[in-house]
Structure formats: C-alpha cells, structure tokens
Amino acid sequence: ILHLIHHRNKNQHRRSHWYRHFDIFRRHVNTLCSQITTLNHRPPTNLERARKRARDKDLQLQIRQRLDAWQDVYVAKWQHAFSQLVADGRFAVVGLALLGALAEVCEVTGITAVFEEV
C-alpha cells in the first residue's frame, strides 16, 4: 500500500510537508523489511552460513537501533504529519490510510506495546 500511495502522489505532493514524512516512513519500512528478510534468510552452503552468523549480530543491532529511534523520535513526527493531513480535509482518505499503515507497522514491530504498558 505504501508503494501505491507513493506512486500515486509523488508528483502532486512532493513539496508538501506531510509527503516528506511519508517518504521517510516508506524508506524506513522498506529498509526494515529488507533487513529482516536478510536476517531470516538461510544460506545454502556452510561457508555462507558462517559468514551470515558473523553479520547477524550487527544486523540485529541495527534493527534494534532503528526501532528505538522510531519509538523515541520518528513515530510521533509521522503521526503528527499524517494527522494534519486528515485534519486538512482535502486528502483525508490518504491521511487515514497512512495512519492505519503507521499503526499496523508499530503494532507488528512492538512499538505500541511500550505505550500500552504506561
């Protein structure tokens, strides 16, 4: 869905305030997905498996740092930008779709669990 929203709106909204936050969100999610895919990949040879084990710790650290940065900084900024898009009214449907995507990503990554404990 993020790819389709990006493809549909990039020319019209590329200079809008909310689109900058959306583009950052989209790139972060794509990077996280590729990192998790790399982490879950099982190489066919023993040598590649040994190399992967050495790289997995660094990759897990990068994923943890990314999620910590999301929790501390980015999620609040993204939520504010997408909420402003909903409040504007003209592109409220896009804003609701982005808020839904943000909520789903936060739930899957476990970011909302921290807020639910408080």
PDB file of N, CA and C in Angstrom:
ATOM      1  N   ILE A   1       0.834  -1.191   0.000  1.00  0.00           N
ATOM      2  CA  ILE A   1       0.000   0.000   0.000  1.00  0.00           C
ATOM      3  C   ILE A   1       0.874   1.248   0.000  1.00  0.00           C
ATOM      4  N   LEU A   2       1.967   1.223   0.768  1.00  0.00           N
ATOM      5  CA  LEU A   2       2.846   2.396   0.806  1.00  0.00           C
ATOM      6  C   LEU A   2       3.429   2.689  -0.566  1.00  0.00           C
ATOM      7  N   HIS A   3       3.784   1.637  -1.295  1.00  0.00           N
ATOM      8  CA  HIS A   3       4.327   1.842  -2.635  1.00  0.00           C
ATOM      9  C   HIS A   3       3.280   2.470  -3.554  1.00  0.00           C
ATOM     10  N   LEU A   4       2.043   2.020  -3.465  1.00  0.00           N
ATOM     11  CA  LEU A   4       0.991   2.568  -4.321  1.00  0.00           C
ATOM     12  C   LEU A   4       0.677   4.019  -3.971  1.00  0.00           C
ATOM     13  N   ILE A   5       0.648   4.346  -2.692  1.00  0.00           N
ATOM     14  CA  ILE A   5       0.413   5.737  -2.285  1.00  0.00           C
ATOM     15  C   ILE A   5       1.558   6.616  -2.765  1.00  0.00           C
ATOM     16  N   HIS A   6       2.769   6.120  -2.655  1.00  0.00           N
ATOM     17  CA  HIS A   6       3.929   6.880  -3.127  1.00  0.00           C
ATOM     18  C   HIS A   6       3.843   7.107  -4.638  1.00  0.00           C
ATOM     19  N   HIS A   7       3.549   6.060  -5.382  1.00  0.00           N
ATOM     20  CA  HIS A   7       3.491   6.160  -6.837  1.00  0.00           C
ATOM     21  C   HIS A   7       2.382   7.112  -7.285  1.00  0.00           C
ATOM     22  N   ARG A   8       1.259   7.080  -6.601  1.00  0.00           N
ATOM     23  CA  ARG A   8       0.106   7.899  -6.985  1.00  0.00           C
ATOM     24  C   ARG A   8       0.294   9.368  -6.633  1.00  0.00           C
ATOM     25  N   ASN A   9       0.996   9.676  -5.545  1.00  0.00           N
ATOM     26  CA  ASN A   9       1.032  11.041  -5.023  1.00  0.00           C
ATOM     27  C   ASN A   9       2.370  11.756  -5.139  1.00  0.00           C
ATOM     28  N   LYS A  10       3.400  11.111  -5.661  1.00  0.00           N
ATOM     29  CA  LYS A  10       4.729  11.714  -5.608  1.00  0.00           C
ATOM     30  C   LYS A  10       4.837  12.999  -6.412  1.00  0.00           C
ATOM     31  N   ASN A  11       4.204  13.090  -7.561  1.00  0.00           N
ATOM     32  CA  ASN A  11       4.317  14.307  -8.365  1.00  0.00           C
ATOM     33  C   ASN A  11       3.482  15.450  -7.794  1.00  0.00           C
ATOM     34  N   GLN A  12       2.286  15.151  -7.344  1.00  0.00           N
ATOM     35  CA  GLN A  12       1.390  16.191  -6.864  1.00  0.00           C
ATOM     36  C   GLN A  12       1.808  16.742  -5.504  1.00  0.00           C
ATOM     37  N   HIS A  13       2.288  15.890  -4.621  1.00  0.00           N
ATOM     38  CA  HIS A  13       2.511  16.299  -3.233  1.00  0.00           C
ATOM     39  C   HIS A  13       3.974  16.342  -2.816  1.00  0.00           C
ATOM     40  N   ARG A  14       4.902  16.196  -3.728  1.00  0.00           N
ATOM     41  CA  ARG A  14       6.304  16.038  -3.344  1.00  0.00           C
ATOM     42  C   ARG A  14       6.857  17.208  -2.551  1.00  0.00           C
ATOM     43  N   ARG A  15       6.247  18.368  -2.632  1.00  0.00           N
ATOM     44  CA  ARG A  15       6.726  19.526  -1.873  1.00  0.00           C
ATOM     45  C   ARG A  15       5.906  19.794  -0.613  1.00  0.00           C
ATOM     46  N   SER A  16       4.915  18.981  -0.365  1.00  0.00           N
ATOM     47  CA  SER A  16       4.087  19.147   0.829  1.00  0.00           C
ATOM     48  C   SER A  16       4.851  18.689   2.066  1.00  0.00           C
ATOM     49  N   HIS A  17       4.468  19.266   3.195  1.00  0.00           N
ATOM     50  CA  HIS A  17       5.127  18.937   4.461  1.00  0.00           C
ATOM     51  C   HIS A  17       4.919  17.467   4.822  1.00  0.00           C
ATOM     52  N   TRP A  18       3.705  16.987   4.662  1.00  0.00           N
ATOM     53  CA  TRP A  18       3.407  15.617   5.053  1.00  0.00           C
ATOM     54  C   TRP A  18       4.110  14.610   4.162  1.00  0.00           C
ATOM     55  N   TYR A  19       4.340  14.948   2.905  1.00  0.00           N
ATOM     56  CA  TYR A  19       4.931  13.983   1.984  1.00  0.00           C
ATOM     57  C   TYR A  19       6.386  13.679   2.340  1.00  0.00           C
ATOM     58  N   ARG A  20       7.071  14.665   2.866  1.00  0.00           N
ATOM     59  CA  ARG A  20       8.454  14.435   3.297  1.00  0.00           C
ATOM     60  C   ARG A  20       8.483  13.378   4.405  1.00  0.00           C
ATOM     61  N   HIS A  21       7.567  13.482   5.360  1.00  0.00           N
ATOM     62  CA  HIS A  21       7.492  12.492   6.442  1.00  0.00           C
ATOM     63  C   HIS A  21       7.056  11.127   5.905  1.00  0.00           C
ATOM     64  N   PHE A  22       6.131  11.142   4.959  1.00  0.00           N
ATOM     65  CA  PHE A  22       5.693   9.882   4.363  1.00  0.00           C
ATOM     66  C   PHE A  22       6.834   9.194   3.623  1.00  0.00           C
ATOM     67  N   ASP A  23       7.629   9.963   2.893  1.00  0.00           N
ATOM     68  CA  ASP A  23       8.742   9.382   2.145  1.00  0.00           C
ATOM     69  C   ASP A  23       9.778   8.767   3.089  1.00  0.00           C
ATOM     70  N   ILE A  24      10.054   9.452   4.188  1.00  0.00           N
ATOM     71  CA  ILE A  24      10.982   8.909   5.186  1.00  0.00           C
ATOM     72  C   ILE A  24      10.405   7.627   5.792  1.00  0.00           C
ATOM     73  N   PHE A  25       9.119   7.638   6.125  1.00  0.00           N
ATOM     74  CA  PHE A  25       8.446   6.463   6.680  1.00  0.00           C
ATOM     75  C   PHE A  25       8.530   5.286   5.707  1.00  0.00           C
ATOM     76  N   ARG A  26       8.237   5.534   4.455  1.00  0.00           N
ATOM     77  CA  ARG A  26       8.257   4.490   3.433  1.00  0.00           C
ATOM     78  C   ARG A  26       9.656   3.895   3.286  1.00  0.00           C
ATOM     79  N   ARG A  27      10.673   4.740   3.247  1.00  0.00           N
ATOM     80  CA  ARG A  27      12.042   4.246   3.102  1.00  0.00           C
ATOM     81  C   ARG A  27      12.489   3.458   4.331  1.00  0.00           C
ATOM     82  N   HIS A  28      12.115   3.924   5.523  1.00  0.00           N
ATOM     83  CA  HIS A  28      12.477   3.200   6.748  1.00  0.00           C
ATOM     84  C   HIS A  28      11.807   1.826   6.788  1.00  0.00           C
ATOM     85  N   VAL A  29      10.542   1.758   6.404  1.00  0.00           N
ATOM     86  CA  VAL A  29       9.835   0.475   6.410  1.00  0.00           C
ATOM     87  C   VAL A  29      10.456  -0.476   5.391  1.00  0.00           C
ATOM     88  N   ASN A  30      10.782   0.030   4.209  1.00  0.00           N
ATOM     89  CA  ASN A  30      11.418  -0.824   3.199  1.00  0.00           C
ATOM     90  C   ASN A  30      12.771  -1.339   3.680  1.00  0.00           C
ATOM     91  N   THR A  31      13.552  -0.483   4.319  1.00  0.00           N
ATOM     92  CA  THR A  31      14.853  -0.905   4.838  1.00  0.00           C
ATOM     93  C   THR A  31      14.689  -1.947   5.940  1.00  0.00           C
ATOM     94  N   LEU A  32      13.734  -1.724   6.834  1.00  0.00           N
ATOM     95  CA  LEU A  32      13.483  -2.684   7.907  1.00  0.00           C
ATOM     96  C   LEU A  32      13.060  -4.036   7.336  1.00  0.00           C
ATOM     97  N   CYS A  33      12.197  -4.027   6.344  1.00  0.00           N
ATOM     98  CA  CYS A  33      11.759  -5.284   5.720  1.00  0.00           C
ATOM     99  C   CYS A  33      12.925  -6.021   5.071  1.00  0.00           C
ATOM    100  N   SER A  34      13.785  -5.294   4.384  1.00  0.00           N
ATOM    101  CA  SER A  34      14.929  -5.957   3.751  1.00  0.00           C
ATOM    102  C   SER A  34      15.909  -6.489   4.799  1.00  0.00           C
ATOM    103  N   GLN A  35      16.088  -5.762   5.913  1.00  0.00           N
ATOM    104  CA  GLN A  35      16.969  -6.250   6.971  1.00  0.00           C
ATOM    105  C   GLN A  35      16.408  -7.514   7.618  1.00  0.00           C
ATOM    106  N   ILE A  36      15.117  -7.543   7.862  1.00  0.00           N
ATOM    107  CA  ILE A  36      14.503  -8.723   8.475  1.00  0.00           C
ATOM    108  C   ILE A  36      14.545  -9.907   7.512  1.00  0.00           C
ATOM    109  N   THR A  37      14.340  -9.648   6.224  1.00  0.00           N
ATOM    110  CA  THR A  37      14.440 -10.710   5.223  1.00  0.00           C
ATOM    111  C   THR A  37      15.850 -11.279   5.183  1.00  0.00           C
ATOM    112  N   THR A  38      16.840 -10.404   5.229  1.00  0.00           N
ATOM    113  CA  THR A  38      18.232 -10.852   5.247  1.00  0.00           C
ATOM    114  C   THR A  38      18.523 -11.660   6.507  1.00  0.00           C
ATOM    115  N   LEU A  39      17.972 -11.229   7.622  1.00  0.00           N
ATOM    116  CA  LEU A  39      18.189 -11.923   8.888  1.00  0.00           C
ATOM    117  C   LEU A  39      17.573 -13.324   8.870  1.00  0.00           C
ATOM    118  N   ASN A  40      16.425 -13.477   8.226  1.00  0.00           N
ATOM    119  CA  ASN A  40      15.726 -14.761   8.197  1.00  0.00           C
ATOM    120  C   ASN A  40      16.163 -15.675   7.059  1.00  0.00           C
ATOM    121  N   HIS A  41      17.002 -15.185   6.170  1.00  0.00           N
ATOM    122  CA  HIS A  41      17.466 -15.988   5.028  1.00  0.00           C
ATOM    123  C   HIS A  41      18.438 -17.067   5.505  1.00  0.00           C
ATOM    124  N   ARG A  42      18.295 -18.252   4.956  1.00  0.00           N
ATOM    125  CA  ARG A  42      19.208 -19.351   5.306  1.00  0.00           C
ATOM    126  C   ARG A  42      20.070 -19.676   4.090  1.00  0.00           C
ATOM    127  N   PRO A  43      21.361 -19.371   4.161  1.00  0.00           N
ATOM    128  CA  PRO A  43      22.263 -19.651   3.040  1.00  0.00           C
ATOM    129  C   PRO A  43      22.423 -21.155   2.806  1.00  0.00           C
ATOM    130  N   PRO A  44      22.676 -21.544   1.555  1.00  0.00           N
ATOM    131  CA  PRO A  44      22.758 -22.980   1.241  1.00  0.00           C
ATOM    132  C   PRO A  44      24.080 -23.644   1.635  1.00  0.00           C
ATOM    133  N   THR A  45      25.167 -22.897   1.668  1.00  0.00           N
ATOM    134  CA  THR A  45      26.454 -23.539   1.961  1.00  0.00           C
ATOM    135  C   THR A  45      26.904 -23.237   3.386  1.00  0.00           C
ATOM    136  N   ASN A  46      27.796 -24.070   3.880  1.00  0.00           N
ATOM    137  CA  ASN A  46      28.293 -23.932   5.242  1.00  0.00           C
ATOM    138  C   ASN A  46      29.132 -22.659   5.402  1.00  0.00           C
ATOM    139  N   LEU A  47      29.914 -22.316   4.408  1.00  0.00           N
ATOM    140  CA  LEU A  47      30.744 -21.117   4.463  1.00  0.00           C
ATOM    141  C   LEU A  47      29.884 -19.855   4.525  1.00  0.00           C
ATOM    142  N   GLU A  48      28.842 -19.806   3.708  1.00  0.00           N
ATOM    143  CA  GLU A  48      27.943 -18.649   3.729  1.00  0.00           C
ATOM    144  C   GLU A  48      27.205 -18.546   5.062  1.00  0.00           C
ATOM    145  N   ARG A  49      26.858 -19.698   5.652  1.00  0.00           N
ATOM    146  CA  ARG A  49      26.197 -19.683   6.962  1.00  0.00           C
ATOM    147  C   ARG A  49      27.107 -19.127   8.038  1.00  0.00           C
ATOM    148  N   ALA A  50      28.390 -19.460   7.980  1.00  0.00           N
ATOM    149  CA  ALA A  50      29.350 -18.934   8.956  1.00  0.00           C
ATOM    150  C   ALA A  50      29.506 -17.426   8.796  1.00  0.00           C
ATOM    151  N   ARG A  51      29.572 -16.965   7.564  1.00  0.00           N
ATOM    152  CA  ARG A  51      29.662 -15.519   7.324  1.00  0.00           C
ATOM    153  C   ARG A  51      28.398 -14.807   7.791  1.00  0.00           C
ATOM    154  N   LYS A  52      27.254 -15.438   7.554  1.00  0.00           N
ATOM    155  CA  LYS A  52      25.990 -14.824   7.957  1.00  0.00           C
ATOM    156  C   LYS A  52      25.891 -14.723   9.478  1.00  0.00           C
ATOM    157  N   ARG A  53      26.341 -15.749  10.191  1.00  0.00           N
ATOM    158  CA  ARG A  53      26.314 -15.703  11.655  1.00  0.00           C
ATOM    159  C   ARG A  53      27.124 -14.525  12.175  1.00  0.00           C
ATOM    160  N   ALA A  54      28.228 -14.233  11.520  1.00  0.00           N
ATOM    161  CA  ALA A  54      29.065 -13.104  11.938  1.00  0.00           C
ATOM    162  C   ALA A  54      28.363 -11.772  11.678  1.00  0.00           C
ATOM    163  N   ARG A  55      27.602 -11.710  10.597  1.00  0.00           N
ATOM    164  CA  ARG A  55      26.912 -10.457  10.254  1.00  0.00           C
ATOM    165  C   ARG A  55      25.579 -10.288  10.967  1.00  0.00           C
ATOM    166  N   ASP A  56      24.997 -11.378  11.446  1.00  0.00           N
ATOM    167  CA  ASP A  56      23.674 -11.316  12.060  1.00  0.00           C
ATOM    168  C   ASP A  56      23.646 -10.451  13.315  1.00  0.00           C
ATOM    169  N   LYS A  57      24.687 -10.492  14.119  1.00  0.00           N
ATOM    170  CA  LYS A  57      24.705  -9.686  15.344  1.00  0.00           C
ATOM    171  C   LYS A  57      24.678  -8.204  15.016  1.00  0.00           C
ATOM    172  N   ASP A  58      25.449  -7.803  14.005  1.00  0.00           N
ATOM    173  CA  ASP A  58      25.433  -6.399  13.592  1.00  0.00           C
ATOM    174  C   ASP A  58      24.070  -6.007  13.032  1.00  0.00           C
ATOM    175  N   LEU A  59      23.476  -6.903  12.275  1.00  0.00           N
ATOM    176  CA  LEU A  59      22.172  -6.627  11.683  1.00  0.00           C
ATOM    177  C   LEU A  59      21.098  -6.527  12.765  1.00  0.00           C
ATOM    178  N   GLN A  60      21.150  -7.396  13.762  1.00  0.00           N
ATOM    179  CA  GLN A  60      20.194  -7.321  14.866  1.00  0.00           C
ATOM    180  C   GLN A  60      20.358  -6.020  15.641  1.00  0.00           C
ATOM    181  N   LEU A  61      21.590  -5.578  15.824  1.00  0.00           N
ATOM    182  CA  LEU A  61      21.846  -4.307  16.492  1.00  0.00           C
ATOM    183  C   LEU A  61      21.291  -3.144  15.676  1.00  0.00           C
ATOM    184  N   GLN A  62      21.479  -3.182  14.367  1.00  0.00           N
ATOM    185  CA  GLN A  62      20.940  -2.125  13.507  1.00  0.00           C
ATOM    186  C   GLN A  62      19.419  -2.079  13.569  1.00  0.00           C
ATOM    187  N   ILE A  63      18.780  -3.237  13.563  1.00  0.00           N
ATOM    188  CA  ILE A  63      17.319  -3.290  13.648  1.00  0.00           C
ATOM    189  C   ILE A  63      16.854  -2.735  14.987  1.00  0.00           C
ATOM    190  N   ARG A  64      17.507  -3.124  16.066  1.00  0.00           N
ATOM    191  CA  ARG A  64      17.128  -2.630  17.396  1.00  0.00           C
ATOM    192  C   ARG A  64      17.299  -1.113  17.489  1.00  0.00           C
ATOM    193  N   GLN A  65      18.409  -0.594  16.948  1.00  0.00           N
ATOM    194  CA  GLN A  65      18.639   0.853  16.960  1.00  0.00           C
ATOM    195  C   GLN A  65      17.592   1.578  16.123  1.00  0.00           C
ATOM    196  N   ARG A  66      17.221   1.005  14.989  1.00  0.00           N
ATOM    197  CA  ARG A  66      16.195   1.615  14.144  1.00  0.00           C
ATOM    198  C   ARG A  66      14.862   1.687  14.884  1.00  0.00           C
ATOM    199  N   LEU A  67      14.483   0.595  15.540  1.00  0.00           N
ATOM    200  CA  LEU A  67      13.209   0.580  16.260  1.00  0.00           C
ATOM    201  C   LEU A  67      13.233   1.521  17.460  1.00  0.00           C
ATOM    202  N   ASP A  68      14.369   1.634  18.129  1.00  0.00           N
ATOM    203  CA  ASP A  68      14.485   2.595  19.229  1.00  0.00           C
ATOM    204  C   ASP A  68      14.343   4.024  18.725  1.00  0.00           C
ATOM    205  N   ALA A  69      14.949   4.320  17.583  1.00  0.00           N
ATOM    206  CA  ALA A  69      14.817   5.663  17.002  1.00  0.00           C
ATOM    207  C   ALA A  69      13.379   5.921  16.588  1.00  0.00           C
ATOM    208  N   TRP A  70      12.713   4.917  16.054  1.00  0.00           N
ATOM    209  CA  TRP A  70      11.301   5.086  15.697  1.00  0.00           C
ATOM    210  C   TRP A  70      10.494   5.425  16.937  1.00  0.00           C
ATOM    211  N   GLN A  71      10.719   4.666  17.997  1.00  0.00           N
ATOM    212  CA  GLN A  71       9.939   4.855  19.218  1.00  0.00           C
ATOM    213  C   GLN A  71      10.202   6.217  19.840  1.00  0.00           C
ATOM    214  N   ASP A  72      11.454   6.648  19.852  1.00  0.00           N
ATOM    215  CA  ASP A  72      11.811   7.899  20.513  1.00  0.00           C
ATOM    216  C   ASP A  72      11.482   9.132  19.687  1.00  0.00           C
ATOM    217  N   VAL A  73      11.650   9.076  18.371  1.00  0.00           N
ATOM    218  CA  VAL A  73      11.579  10.285  17.553  1.00  0.00           C
ATOM    219  C   VAL A  73      10.549  10.197  16.439  1.00  0.00           C
ATOM    220  N   TYR A  74      10.698   9.211  15.585  1.00  0.00           N
ATOM    221  CA  TYR A  74      10.006   9.232  14.302  1.00  0.00           C
ATOM    222  C   TYR A  74       8.500   9.011  14.382  1.00  0.00           C
ATOM    223  N   VAL A  75       8.042   8.078  15.196  1.00  0.00           N
ATOM    224  CA  VAL A  75       6.615   7.748  15.209  1.00  0.00           C
ATOM    225  C   VAL A  75       5.778   8.967  15.581  1.00  0.00           C
ATOM    226  N   ALA A  76       6.224   9.747  16.534  1.00  0.00           N
ATOM    227  CA  ALA A  76       5.476  10.949  16.916  1.00  0.00           C
ATOM    228  C   ALA A  76       5.431  11.959  15.770  1.00  0.00           C
ATOM    229  N   LYS A  77       6.533  12.120  15.058  1.00  0.00           N
ATOM    230  CA  LYS A  77       6.558  13.047  13.919  1.00  0.00           C
ATOM    231  C   LYS A  77       5.660  12.558  12.793  1.00  0.00           C
ATOM    232  N   TRP A  78       5.743  11.268  12.496  1.00  0.00           N
ATOM    233  CA  TRP A  78       4.916  10.717  11.432  1.00  0.00           C
ATOM    234  C   TRP A  78       3.440  10.814  11.796  1.00  0.00           C
ATOM    235  N   GLN A  79       3.110  10.513  13.031  1.00  0.00           N
ATOM    236  CA  GLN A  79       1.715  10.568  13.460  1.00  0.00           C
ATOM    237  C   GLN A  79       1.187  11.991  13.374  1.00  0.00           C
ATOM    238  N   HIS A  80       1.977  12.951  13.761  1.00  0.00           N
ATOM    239  CA  HIS A  80       1.557  14.351  13.694  1.00  0.00           C
ATOM    240  C   HIS A  80       1.347  14.788  12.242  1.00  0.00           C
ATOM    241  N   ALA A  81       2.274  14.453  11.363  1.00  0.00           N
ATOM    242  CA  ALA A  81       2.158  14.850   9.954  1.00  0.00           C
ATOM    243  C   ALA A  81       0.943  14.202   9.296  1.00  0.00           C
ATOM    244  N   PHE A  82       0.706  12.925   9.561  1.00  0.00           N
ATOM    245  CA  PHE A  82      -0.426  12.241   8.945  1.00  0.00           C
ATOM    246  C   PHE A  82      -1.744  12.724   9.544  1.00  0.00           C
ATOM    247  N   SER A  83      -1.751  13.074  10.826  1.00  0.00           N
ATOM    248  CA  SER A  83      -2.957  13.624  11.447  1.00  0.00           C
ATOM    249  C   SER A  83      -3.297  14.992  10.868  1.00  0.00           C
ATOM    250  N   GLN A  84      -2.287  15.791  10.581  1.00  0.00           N
ATOM    251  CA  GLN A  84      -2.523  17.088   9.950  1.00  0.00           C
ATOM    252  C   GLN A  84      -3.109  16.910   8.557  1.00  0.00           C
ATOM    253  N   LEU A  85      -2.707  15.871   7.871  1.00  0.00           N
ATOM    254  CA  LEU A  85      -3.260  15.584   6.554  1.00  0.00           C
ATOM    255  C   LEU A  85      -4.738  15.222   6.662  1.00  0.00           C
ATOM    256  N   VAL A  86      -5.098  14.465   7.683  1.00  0.00           N
ATOM    257  CA  VAL A  86      -6.508  14.130   7.908  1.00  0.00           C
ATOM    258  C   VAL A  86      -7.287  15.382   8.275  1.00  0.00           C
ATOM    259  N   ALA A  87      -6.712  16.226   9.123  1.00  0.00           N
ATOM    260  CA  ALA A  87      -7.396  17.443   9.569  1.00  0.00           C
ATOM    261  C   ALA A  87      -7.585  18.439   8.436  1.00  0.00           C
ATOM    262  N   ASP A  88      -6.697  18.422   7.457  1.00  0.00           N
ATOM    263  CA  ASP A  88      -6.804  19.338   6.323  1.00  0.00           C
ATOM    264  C   ASP A  88      -8.092  19.090   5.552  1.00  0.00           C
ATOM    265  N   GLY A  89      -8.498  17.856   5.426  1.00  0.00           N
ATOM    266  CA  GLY A  89      -9.777  17.545   4.810  1.00  0.00           C
ATOM    267  C   GLY A  89      -9.696  17.183   3.342  1.00  0.00           C
ATOM    268  N   ARG A  90      -8.850  17.836   2.584  1.00  0.00           N
ATOM    269  CA  ARG A  90      -8.806  17.574   1.140  1.00  0.00           C
ATOM    270  C   ARG A  90      -8.270  16.184   0.828  1.00  0.00           C
ATOM    271  N   PHE A  91      -7.311  15.733   1.593  1.00  0.00           N
ATOM    272  CA  PHE A  91      -6.701  14.428   1.356  1.00  0.00           C
ATOM    273  C   PHE A  91      -6.835  13.561   2.605  1.00  0.00           C
ATOM    274  N   ALA A  92      -7.999  13.620   3.227  1.00  0.00           N
ATOM    275  CA  ALA A  92      -8.231  12.900   4.474  1.00  0.00           C
ATOM    276  C   ALA A  92      -8.138  11.387   4.287  1.00  0.00           C
ATOM    277  N   VAL A  93      -8.563  10.893   3.142  1.00  0.00           N
ATOM    278  CA  VAL A  93      -8.522   9.448   2.901  1.00  0.00           C
ATOM    279  C   VAL A  93      -7.076   8.957   2.862  1.00  0.00           C
ATOM    280  N   VAL A  94      -6.210   9.721   2.217  1.00  0.00           N
ATOM    281  CA  VAL A  94      -4.790   9.362   2.175  1.00  0.00           C
ATOM    282  C   VAL A  94      -4.216   9.396   3.591  1.00  0.00           C
ATOM    283  N   GLY A  95      -4.588  10.418   4.356  1.00  0.00           N
ATOM    284  CA  GLY A  95      -4.109  10.534   5.730  1.00  0.00           C
ATOM    285  C   GLY A  95      -4.552   9.372   6.600  1.00  0.00           C
ATOM    286  N   LEU A  96      -5.807   8.953   6.445  1.00  0.00           N
ATOM    287  CA  LEU A  96      -6.296   7.810   7.221  1.00  0.00           C
ATOM    288  C   LEU A  96      -5.584   6.520   6.822  1.00  0.00           C
ATOM    289  N   ALA A  97      -5.328   6.359   5.536  1.00  0.00           N
ATOM    290  CA  ALA A  97      -4.592   5.173   5.089  1.00  0.00           C
ATOM    291  C   ALA A  97      -3.183   5.169   5.671  1.00  0.00           C
ATOM    292  N   LEU A  98      -2.538   6.332   5.698  1.00  0.00           N
ATOM    293  CA  LEU A  98      -1.184   6.419   6.251  1.00  0.00           C
ATOM    294  C   LEU A  98      -1.184   6.193   7.758  1.00  0.00           C
ATOM    295  N   LEU A  99      -2.176   6.741   8.460  1.00  0.00           N
ATOM    296  CA  LEU A  99      -2.270   6.492   9.904  1.00  0.00           C
ATOM    297  C   LEU A  99      -2.501   5.005  10.186  1.00  0.00           C
ATOM    298  N   GLY A 100      -3.332   4.373   9.372  1.00  0.00           N
ATOM    299  CA  GLY A 100      -3.562   2.936   9.526  1.00  0.00           C
ATOM    300  C   GLY A 100      -2.305   2.122   9.278  1.00  0.00           C
ATOM    301  N   ALA A 101      -1.558   2.495   8.244  1.00  0.00           N
ATOM    302  CA  ALA A 101      -0.302   1.794   7.951  1.00  0.00           C
ATOM    303  C   ALA A 101       0.703   1.998   9.076  1.00  0.00           C
ATOM    304  N   LEU A 102       0.775   3.222   9.593  1.00  0.00           N
ATOM    305  CA  LEU A 102       1.683   3.510  10.708  1.00  0.00           C
ATOM    306  C   LEU A 102       1.297   2.696  11.940  1.00  0.00           C
ATOM    307  N   ALA A 103       0.004   2.633  12.235  1.00  0.00           N
ATOM    308  CA  ALA A 103      -0.451   1.864  13.393  1.00  0.00           C
ATOM    309  C   ALA A 103      -0.134   0.380  13.237  1.00  0.00           C
ATOM    310  N   GLU A 104      -0.323  -0.136  12.039  1.00  0.00           N
ATOM    311  CA  GLU A 104      -0.048  -1.552  11.811  1.00  0.00           C
ATOM    312  C   GLU A 104       1.441  -1.861  11.929  1.00  0.00           C
ATOM    313  N   VAL A 105       2.276  -1.002  11.362  1.00  0.00           N
ATOM    314  CA  VAL A 105       3.723  -1.205  11.453  1.00  0.00           C
ATOM    315  C   VAL A 105       4.176  -1.126  12.907  1.00  0.00           C
ATOM    316  N   CYS A 106       3.632  -0.168  13.655  1.00  0.00           N
ATOM    317  CA  CYS A 106       4.005  -0.033  15.070  1.00  0.00           C
ATOM    318  C   CYS A 106       3.554  -1.242  15.882  1.00  0.00           C
ATOM    319  N   GLU A 107       2.399  -1.788  15.547  1.00  0.00           N
ATOM    320  CA  GLU A 107       1.929  -2.967  16.267  1.00  0.00           C
ATOM    321  C   GLU A 107       2.797  -4.186  15.950  1.00  0.00           C
ATOM    322  N   VAL A 108       3.138  -4.361  14.686  1.00  0.00           N
ATOM    323  CA  VAL A 108       3.946  -5.513  14.281  1.00  0.00           C
ATOM    324  C   VAL A 108       5.343  -5.446  14.891  1.00  0.00           C
ATOM    325  N   THR A 109       5.928  -4.256  14.943  1.00  0.00           N
ATOM    326  CA  THR A 109       7.282  -4.113  15.477  1.00  0.00           C
ATOM    327  C   THR A 109       7.315  -4.056  16.998  1.00  0.00           C
ATOM    328  N   GLY A 110       6.170  -3.942  17.644  1.00  0.00           N
ATOM    329  CA  GLY A 110       6.122  -3.931  19.100  1.00  0.00           C
ATOM    330  C   GLY A 110       6.274  -2.558  19.722  1.00  0.00           C
ATOM    331  N   ILE A 111       6.196  -1.517  18.938  1.00  0.00           N
ATOM    332  CA  ILE A 111       6.344  -0.164  19.475  1.00  0.00           C
ATOM    333  C   ILE A 111       5.132   0.222  20.314  1.00  0.00           C
ATOM    334  N   THR A 112       3.940  -0.209  19.926  1.00  0.00           N
ATOM    335  CA  THR A 112       2.741   0.157  20.679  1.00  0.00           C
ATOM    336  C   THR A 112       2.660  -0.569  22.015  1.00  0.00           C
ATOM    337  N   ALA A 113       3.357  -1.685  22.157  1.00  0.00           N
ATOM    338  CA  ALA A 113       3.329  -2.418  23.426  1.00  0.00           C
ATOM    339  C   ALA A 113       3.905  -1.579  24.555  1.00  0.00           C
ATOM    340  N   VAL A 114       4.901  -0.766  24.244  1.00  0.00           N
ATOM    341  CA  VAL A 114       5.503   0.103  25.262  1.00  0.00           C
ATOM    342  C   VAL A 114       4.495   1.145  25.723  1.00  0.00           C
ATOM    343  N   PHE A 115       3.724   1.701  24.779  1.00  0.00           N
ATOM    344  CA  PHE A 115       2.745   2.718  25.132  1.00  0.00           C
ATOM    345  C   PHE A 115       1.552   2.125  25.879  1.00  0.00           C
ATOM    346  N   GLU A 116       1.217   0.870  25.600  1.00  0.00           N
ATOM    347  CA  GLU A 116       0.105   0.224  26.278  1.00  0.00           C
ATOM    348  C   GLU A 116       0.437  -0.088  27.730  1.00  0.00           C
ATOM    349  N   GLU A 117       1.721  -0.288  28.037  1.00  0.00           N
ATOM    350  CA  GLU A 117       2.126  -0.574  29.408  1.00  0.00           C
ATOM    351  C   GLU A 117       2.005   0.647  30.301  1.00  0.00           C
ATOM    352  N   VAL A 118       2.126   1.834  29.724  1.00  0.00           N
ATOM    353  CA  VAL A 118       2.115   3.068  30.510  1.00  0.00           C
ATOM    354  C   VAL A 118       0.761   3.396  31.006  1.00  0.00           C
TER     355      VAL A 118
END
